[in-house]
Amino acid sequence: TAGSTINPLDYVTAKDDVDGDVSPFITASNTLNTNQIGVQKVTYTVDDEAGNTSTKDVYFNVLDNVAPIITQKNNIVDYGSQFDLNAYFEGKDNFSTATLTSDTTINTTQLGVQTINVTATDEAGNKTQGTYNVEVKDITAPTLNLTTTEVKAMVGDSFNALSYVASATDTKDGDLKANVKATSPNMYSIGTQTVTYTVSDAAGNQTQAQLNV
């Protein structure tokens, strides 16, 4: 098996009609390179006590015959995102590179648990297949944009904080501008105050922005 550790002397024995078992005296011409696929030759040599020598060539075929392993890295898919198989699964092989494929797709615009079939194939053609569950959830907070980050006002003026909201959008819930909430500055206190804007989507994801007044 490719990548394994092998002692070529474990594969041979030698007997002599006078000396009996002479296996401990066998020598090998070389070791096996199990990181190299294909046929490799090892020449064995052994002598008896009388000095008679025998040799034998043995051919080893190094094969990648171990299938890769699939690991699920994450089972939560963000709603509306681009589903990338390699972002959620990993294929590892003991010798070569494993490529991931699937005959099913994940509909990221459909909330809930979905199943996907994943196949990992190494360079030798060994395959591992599995069926896994992933859950599509809305995990991305809305986007909140203000028209400016700083504004000046006169003491005692009326102040409409929401007039500075440019947009509030969510990948699932769409336009949330009407849902934006803002704190109110004390218009009778001189100095810089911070107005905090907050918007949440239906899944509870929240975004904040700040305006210096």
C-alpha atoms as a PDB file:
ATOM      1  CA  THR A   1       0.000   0.000   0.000  1.00  0.00           C
ATOM      2  CA  ALA A   2       1.320   3.437  -0.964  1.00  0.00           C
ATOM      3  CA  GLY A   3       2.635   5.432   1.948  1.00  0.00           C
ATOM      4  CA  SER A   4       3.070   2.424   4.223  1.00  0.00           C
ATOM      5  CA  THR A   5       6.278   1.299   5.936  1.00  0.00           C
ATOM      6  CA  ILE A   6       7.631  -2.007   4.640  1.00  0.00           C
ATOM      7  CA  ASN A   7      10.672  -4.131   5.465  1.00  0.00           C
ATOM      8  CA  PRO A   8      11.427  -6.210   2.333  1.00  0.00           C
ATOM      9  CA  LEU A   9      12.999  -8.942   4.481  1.00  0.00           C
ATOM     10  CA  ASP A  10       9.591  -9.711   5.979  1.00  0.00           C
ATOM     11  CA  TYR A  11       8.507 -11.257   2.670  1.00  0.00           C
ATOM     12  CA  VAL A  12      11.143 -13.986   2.160  1.00  0.00           C
ATOM     13  CA  THR A  13      12.594 -17.077   3.816  1.00  0.00           C
ATOM     14  CA  ALA A  14      15.534 -19.262   2.825  1.00  0.00           C
ATOM     15  CA  LYS A  15      16.376 -22.884   3.580  1.00  0.00           C
ATOM     16  CA  ASP A  16      19.520 -24.857   2.911  1.00  0.00           C
ATOM     17  CA  ASP A  17      19.708 -28.672   2.617  1.00  0.00           C
ATOM     18  CA  VAL A  18      22.579 -28.747   5.117  1.00  0.00           C
ATOM     19  CA  ASP A  19      22.316 -25.601   7.223  1.00  0.00           C
ATOM     20  CA  GLY A  20      18.514 -25.538   7.478  1.00  0.00           C
ATOM     21  CA  ASP A  21      16.873 -22.157   7.946  1.00  0.00           C
ATOM     22  CA  VAL A  22      19.254 -19.447   6.705  1.00  0.00           C
ATOM     23  CA  SER A  23      16.611 -16.702   6.576  1.00  0.00           C
ATOM     24  CA  PRO A  24      18.485 -14.492   9.072  1.00  0.00           C
ATOM     25  CA  PHE A  25      21.358 -14.255   6.568  1.00  0.00           C
ATOM     26  CA  ILE A  26      19.277 -12.897   3.675  1.00  0.00           C
ATOM     27  CA  THR A  27      20.233  -9.436   2.422  1.00  0.00           C
ATOM     28  CA  ALA A  28      18.160  -7.148   0.205  1.00  0.00           C
ATOM     29  CA  SER A  29      19.589  -5.001  -2.563  1.00  0.00           C
ATOM     30  CA  ASN A  30      17.405  -2.036  -1.684  1.00  0.00           C
ATOM     31  CA  THR A  31      14.384  -0.884   0.282  1.00  0.00           C
ATOM     32  CA  LEU A  32      10.986  -0.145  -1.173  1.00  0.00           C
ATOM     33  CA  ASN A  33       9.970   3.443  -1.878  1.00  0.00           C
ATOM     34  CA  THR A  34       6.287   3.277  -1.018  1.00  0.00           C
ATOM     35  CA  ASN A  35       5.875   6.923  -2.006  1.00  0.00           C
ATOM     36  CA  GLN A  36       6.397   5.877  -5.617  1.00  0.00           C
ATOM     37  CA  ILE A  37       3.508   4.145  -7.385  1.00  0.00           C
ATOM     38  CA  GLY A  38       4.382   1.204  -9.617  1.00  0.00           C
ATOM     39  CA  VAL A  39       6.519  -1.933  -9.802  1.00  0.00           C
ATOM     40  CA  GLN A  40       9.860  -2.038  -7.983  1.00  0.00           C
ATOM     41  CA  LYS A  41      12.436  -4.846  -7.940  1.00  0.00           C
ATOM     42  CA  VAL A  42      14.271  -6.104  -4.871  1.00  0.00           C
ATOM     43  CA  THR A  43      17.096  -8.618  -5.293  1.00  0.00           C
ATOM     44  CA  TYR A  44      17.643 -10.971  -2.355  1.00  0.00           C
ATOM     45  CA  THR A  45      20.935 -12.736  -1.679  1.00  0.00           C
ATOM     46  CA  VAL A  46      21.790 -15.460   0.833  1.00  0.00           C
ATOM     47  CA  ASP A  47      24.887 -17.627   1.497  1.00  0.00           C
ATOM     48  CA  ASP A  48      25.196 -20.949   3.279  1.00  0.00           C
ATOM     49  CA  GLU A  49      28.141 -21.841   5.493  1.00  0.00           C
ATOM     50  CA  ALA A  50      29.918 -23.455   2.562  1.00  0.00           C
ATOM     51  CA  GLY A  51      29.812 -20.189   0.627  1.00  0.00           C
ATOM     52  CA  ASN A  52      27.147 -21.194  -1.850  1.00  0.00           C
ATOM     53  CA  THR A  53      25.111 -18.198  -2.911  1.00  0.00           C
ATOM     54  CA  SER A  54      21.538 -17.901  -4.107  1.00  0.00           C
ATOM     55  CA  THR A  55      19.785 -14.821  -5.439  1.00  0.00           C
ATOM     56  CA  LYS A  56      16.173 -14.124  -6.239  1.00  0.00           C
ATOM     57  CA  ASP A  57      14.434 -11.121  -7.793  1.00  0.00           C
ATOM     58  CA  VAL A  58      11.057 -10.196  -6.305  1.00  0.00           C
ATOM     59  CA  TYR A  59       8.818  -7.550  -7.850  1.00  0.00           C
ATOM     60  CA  PHE A  60       6.598  -5.421  -5.620  1.00  0.00           C
ATOM     61  CA  ASN A  61       3.687  -3.443  -7.002  1.00  0.00           C
ATOM     62  CA  VAL A  62       3.087  -0.300  -4.931  1.00  0.00           C
ATOM     63  CA  LEU A  63      -0.587   0.650  -5.165  1.00  0.00           C
ATOM     64  CA  ASP A  64      -2.748   3.439  -3.808  1.00  0.00           C
ATOM     65  CA  ASN A  65      -5.705   1.295  -2.778  1.00  0.00           C
ATOM     66  CA  VAL A  66      -6.929   3.196   0.276  1.00  0.00           C
ATOM     67  CA  ALA A  67     -10.032   5.359  -0.187  1.00  0.00           C
ATOM     68  CA  PRO A  68      -9.997   8.952   1.083  1.00  0.00           C
ATOM     69  CA  ILE A  69     -11.804  10.180   4.194  1.00  0.00           C
ATOM     70  CA  ILE A  70     -14.549  12.831   4.134  1.00  0.00           C
ATOM     71  CA  THR A  71     -14.802  15.294   7.029  1.00  0.00           C
ATOM     72  CA  GLN A  72     -17.717  17.711   7.448  1.00  0.00           C
ATOM     73  CA  LYS A  73     -16.236  21.026   8.575  1.00  0.00           C
ATOM     74  CA  ASN A  74     -19.470  22.967   9.069  1.00  0.00           C
ATOM     75  CA  ASN A  75     -23.179  22.144   8.908  1.00  0.00           C
ATOM     76  CA  ILE A  76     -24.654  25.671   8.943  1.00  0.00           C
ATOM     77  CA  VAL A  77     -25.199  27.413   5.600  1.00  0.00           C
ATOM     78  CA  ASP A  78     -25.976  31.112   5.486  1.00  0.00           C
ATOM     79  CA  TYR A  79     -29.252  32.017   3.805  1.00  0.00           C
ATOM     80  CA  GLY A  80     -28.763  33.352   0.277  1.00  0.00           C
ATOM     81  CA  SER A  81     -25.049  32.567   0.169  1.00  0.00           C
ATOM     82  CA  GLN A  82     -23.129  30.825  -2.595  1.00  0.00           C
ATOM     83  CA  PHE A  83     -22.744  27.184  -1.539  1.00  0.00           C
ATOM     84  CA  ASP A  84     -19.151  25.977  -1.965  1.00  0.00           C
ATOM     85  CA  LEU A  85     -18.745  22.251  -1.336  1.00  0.00           C
ATOM     86  CA  ASN A  86     -15.106  22.670  -0.273  1.00  0.00           C
ATOM     87  CA  ALA A  87     -16.054  25.232   2.371  1.00  0.00           C
ATOM     88  CA  TYR A  88     -18.179  22.675   4.217  1.00  0.00           C
ATOM     89  CA  PHE A  89     -16.384  19.388   3.513  1.00  0.00           C
ATOM     90  CA  GLU A  90     -12.807  18.194   3.289  1.00  0.00           C
ATOM     91  CA  GLY A  91     -11.409  15.123   1.568  1.00  0.00           C
ATOM     92  CA  LYS A  92      -8.151  13.663   2.868  1.00  0.00           C
ATOM     93  CA  ASP A  93      -6.188  10.824   1.332  1.00  0.00           C
ATOM     94  CA  ASN A  94      -3.219   8.918   2.728  1.00  0.00           C
ATOM     95  CA  PHE A  95      -1.208   9.390  -0.446  1.00  0.00           C
ATOM     96  CA  SER A  96      -2.671  11.719  -3.064  1.00  0.00           C
ATOM     97  CA  THR A  97      -5.073  14.630  -3.443  1.00  0.00           C
ATOM     98  CA  ALA A  98      -8.790  13.977  -2.945  1.00  0.00           C
ATOM     99  CA  THR A  99     -11.380  15.820  -5.043  1.00  0.00           C
ATOM    100  CA  LEU A 100     -14.895  16.461  -3.744  1.00  0.00           C
ATOM    101  CA  THR A 101     -18.016  16.214  -5.913  1.00  0.00           C
ATOM    102  CA  SER A 102     -21.750  16.011  -5.308  1.00  0.00           C
ATOM    103  CA  ASP A 103     -24.779  14.942  -7.305  1.00  0.00           C
ATOM    104  CA  THR A 104     -27.075  17.105  -5.170  1.00  0.00           C
ATOM    105  CA  THR A 105     -27.255  20.816  -4.450  1.00  0.00           C
ATOM    106  CA  ILE A 106     -28.191  22.959  -1.488  1.00  0.00           C
ATOM    107  CA  ASN A 107     -30.936  25.546  -2.009  1.00  0.00           C
ATOM    108  CA  THR A 108     -29.656  28.416   0.107  1.00  0.00           C
ATOM    109  CA  THR A 109     -32.929  30.331  -0.258  1.00  0.00           C
ATOM    110  CA  GLN A 110     -34.819  27.595   1.576  1.00  0.00           C
ATOM    111  CA  LEU A 111     -34.522  27.588   5.344  1.00  0.00           C
ATOM    112  CA  GLY A 112     -34.192  24.296   7.192  1.00  0.00           C
ATOM    113  CA  VAL A 113     -32.272  21.024   7.097  1.00  0.00           C
ATOM    114  CA  GLN A 114     -31.274  19.605   3.710  1.00  0.00           C
ATOM    115  CA  THR A 115     -29.280  16.502   2.755  1.00  0.00           C
ATOM    116  CA  ILE A 116     -26.368  16.364   0.358  1.00  0.00           C
ATOM    117  CA  ASN A 117     -24.464  13.442  -1.160  1.00  0.00           C
ATOM    118  CA  VAL A 118     -20.697  13.938  -1.175  1.00  0.00           C
ATOM    119  CA  THR A 119     -18.066  11.846  -2.966  1.00  0.00           C
ATOM    120  CA  ALA A 120     -14.307  12.082  -2.413  1.00  0.00           C
ATOM    121  CA  THR A 121     -12.113  10.631  -5.172  1.00  0.00           C
ATOM    122  CA  ASP A 122      -8.327  10.329  -4.970  1.00  0.00           C
ATOM    123  CA  GLU A 123      -5.919  10.345  -7.905  1.00  0.00           C
ATOM    124  CA  ALA A 124      -5.945   6.535  -8.074  1.00  0.00           C
ATOM    125  CA  GLY A 125      -9.732   6.456  -8.457  1.00  0.00           C
ATOM    126  CA  ASN A 126     -10.540   5.252  -4.930  1.00  0.00           C
ATOM    127  CA  LYS A 127     -13.861   6.717  -3.787  1.00  0.00           C
ATOM    128  CA  THR A 128     -15.657   7.397  -0.541  1.00  0.00           C
ATOM    129  CA  GLN A 129     -19.320   8.436  -0.499  1.00  0.00           C
ATOM    130  CA  GLY A 130     -21.502   9.797   2.265  1.00  0.00           C
ATOM    131  CA  THR A 131     -24.812  11.573   2.888  1.00  0.00           C
ATOM    132  CA  TYR A 132     -24.756  14.540   5.233  1.00  0.00           C
ATOM    133  CA  ASN A 133     -27.190  17.053   6.719  1.00  0.00           C
ATOM    134  CA  VAL A 134     -26.732  20.809   6.506  1.00  0.00           C
ATOM    135  CA  GLU A 135     -29.042  23.496   7.816  1.00  0.00           C
ATOM    136  CA  VAL A 136     -29.768  26.721   5.979  1.00  0.00           C
ATOM    137  CA  LYS A 137     -30.137  29.543   8.493  1.00  0.00           C
ATOM    138  CA  ASP A 138     -30.273  33.313   8.354  1.00  0.00           C
ATOM    139  CA  ILE A 139     -27.063  34.145  10.222  1.00  0.00           C
ATOM    140  CA  THR A 140     -26.024  37.376   8.489  1.00  0.00           C
ATOM    141  CA  ALA A 141     -26.962  40.675  10.105  1.00  0.00           C
ATOM    142  CA  PRO A 142     -28.640  43.408   8.039  1.00  0.00           C
ATOM    143  CA  THR A 143     -26.640  46.158   6.370  1.00  0.00           C
ATOM    144  CA  LEU A 144     -27.214  49.617   7.886  1.00  0.00           C
ATOM    145  CA  ASN A 145     -25.957  52.752   6.141  1.00  0.00           C
ATOM    146  CA  LEU A 146     -26.173  56.367   7.302  1.00  0.00           C
ATOM    147  CA  THR A 147     -26.007  59.442   5.087  1.00  0.00           C
ATOM    148  CA  THR A 148     -23.179  60.817   7.230  1.00  0.00           C
ATOM    149  CA  THR A 149     -21.167  60.017  10.355  1.00  0.00           C
ATOM    150  CA  GLU A 150     -21.267  63.511  11.875  1.00  0.00           C
ATOM    151  CA  VAL A 151     -23.764  66.344  11.965  1.00  0.00           C
ATOM    152  CA  LYS A 152     -23.972  69.732  13.738  1.00  0.00           C
ATOM    153  CA  ALA A 153     -27.130  71.151  15.288  1.00  0.00           C
ATOM    154  CA  MET A 154     -28.062  74.222  17.339  1.00  0.00           C
ATOM    155  CA  VAL A 155     -29.027  73.982  21.014  1.00  0.00           C
ATOM    156  CA  GLY A 156     -32.773  73.560  21.338  1.00  0.00           C
ATOM    157  CA  ASP A 157     -33.326  72.511  17.725  1.00  0.00           C
ATOM    158  CA  SER A 158     -35.599  69.600  16.966  1.00  0.00           C
ATOM    159  CA  PHE A 159     -33.633  66.586  15.777  1.00  0.00           C
ATOM    160  CA  ASN A 160     -34.922  63.726  13.660  1.00  0.00           C
ATOM    161  CA  ALA A 161     -32.299  60.997  13.965  1.00  0.00           C
ATOM    162  CA  LEU A 162     -34.039  58.693  11.504  1.00  0.00           C
ATOM    163  CA  SER A 163     -33.695  61.231   8.709  1.00  0.00           C
ATOM    164  CA  TYR A 164     -30.015  60.284   8.511  1.00  0.00           C
ATOM    165  CA  VAL A 165     -30.714  56.621   7.687  1.00  0.00           C
ATOM    166  CA  ALA A 166     -29.742  55.986   4.064  1.00  0.00           C
ATOM    167  CA  SER A 167     -30.683  52.307   3.898  1.00  0.00           C
ATOM    168  CA  ALA A 168     -31.190  49.142   5.921  1.00  0.00           C
ATOM    169  CA  THR A 169     -31.374  45.883   3.991  1.00  0.00           C
ATOM    170  CA  ASP A 170     -31.246  42.185   4.764  1.00  0.00           C
ATOM    171  CA  THR A 171     -30.447  39.212   2.505  1.00  0.00           C
ATOM    172  CA  LYS A 172     -33.681  37.496   3.547  1.00  0.00           C
ATOM    173  CA  ASP A 173     -36.048  40.178   4.842  1.00  0.00           C
ATOM    174  CA  GLY A 174     -35.208  42.823   2.260  1.00  0.00           C
ATOM    175  CA  ASP A 175     -35.800  46.499   3.087  1.00  0.00           C
ATOM    176  CA  LEU A 176     -35.726  47.080   6.852  1.00  0.00           C
ATOM    177  CA  LYS A 177     -35.386  50.850   6.837  1.00  0.00           C
ATOM    178  CA  ALA A 178     -38.732  51.203   8.620  1.00  0.00           C
ATOM    179  CA  ASN A 179     -37.442  48.957  11.416  1.00  0.00           C
ATOM    180  CA  VAL A 180     -34.450  51.107  12.329  1.00  0.00           C
ATOM    181  CA  LYS A 181     -34.465  52.501  15.863  1.00  0.00           C
ATOM    182  CA  ALA A 182     -32.294  55.341  17.154  1.00  0.00           C
ATOM    183  CA  THR A 183     -31.432  56.928  20.468  1.00  0.00           C
ATOM    184  CA  SER A 184     -32.187  60.626  20.997  1.00  0.00           C
ATOM    185  CA  PRO A 185     -29.543  63.240  21.821  1.00  0.00           C
ATOM    186  CA  ASN A 186     -30.110  65.823  24.528  1.00  0.00           C
ATOM    187  CA  MET A 187     -30.525  68.947  22.445  1.00  0.00           C
ATOM    188  CA  TYR A 188     -30.083  71.185  25.495  1.00  0.00           C
ATOM    189  CA  SER A 189     -26.615  69.864  26.331  1.00  0.00           C
ATOM    190  CA  ILE A 190     -23.686  71.436  24.495  1.00  0.00           C
ATOM    191  CA  GLY A 191     -21.004  69.081  23.166  1.00  0.00           C
ATOM    192  CA  THR A 192     -20.661  65.946  21.087  1.00  0.00           C
ATOM    193  CA  GLN A 193     -23.148  63.178  21.656  1.00  0.00           C
ATOM    194  CA  THR A 194     -23.443  59.777  19.983  1.00  0.00           C
ATOM    195  CA  VAL A 195     -26.683  58.613  18.434  1.00  0.00           C
ATOM    196  CA  THR A 196     -26.840  54.819  18.148  1.00  0.00           C
ATOM    197  CA  TYR A 197     -28.912  53.220  15.392  1.00  0.00           C
ATOM    198  CA  THR A 198     -30.077  49.599  15.634  1.00  0.00           C
ATOM    199  CA  VAL A 199     -31.844  47.316  13.194  1.00  0.00           C
ATOM    200  CA  SER A 200     -32.673  43.606  13.542  1.00  0.00           C
ATOM    201  CA  ASP A 201     -33.933  41.041  11.060  1.00  0.00           C
ATOM    202  CA  ALA A 202     -36.597  38.422  11.729  1.00  0.00           C
ATOM    203  CA  ALA A 203     -33.931  35.902  12.803  1.00  0.00           C
ATOM    204  CA  GLY A 204     -32.622  38.253  15.484  1.00  0.00           C
ATOM    205  CA  ASN A 205     -29.409  39.268  13.729  1.00  0.00           C
ATOM    206  CA  GLN A 206     -28.620  42.852  14.697  1.00  0.00           C
ATOM    207  CA  THR A 207     -26.558  45.687  13.248  1.00  0.00           C
ATOM    208  CA  GLN A 208     -25.660  49.033  14.795  1.00  0.00           C
ATOM    209  CA  ALA A 209     -24.326  52.301  13.436  1.00  0.00           C
ATOM    210  CA  GLN A 210     -23.370  55.537  15.138  1.00  0.00           C
ATOM    211  CA  LEU A 211     -23.758  59.217  14.370  1.00  0.00           C
ATOM    212  CA  ASN A 212     -21.873  61.981  16.178  1.00  0.00           C
ATOM    213  CA  VAL A 213     -24.060  64.979  16.904  1.00  0.00           C
END
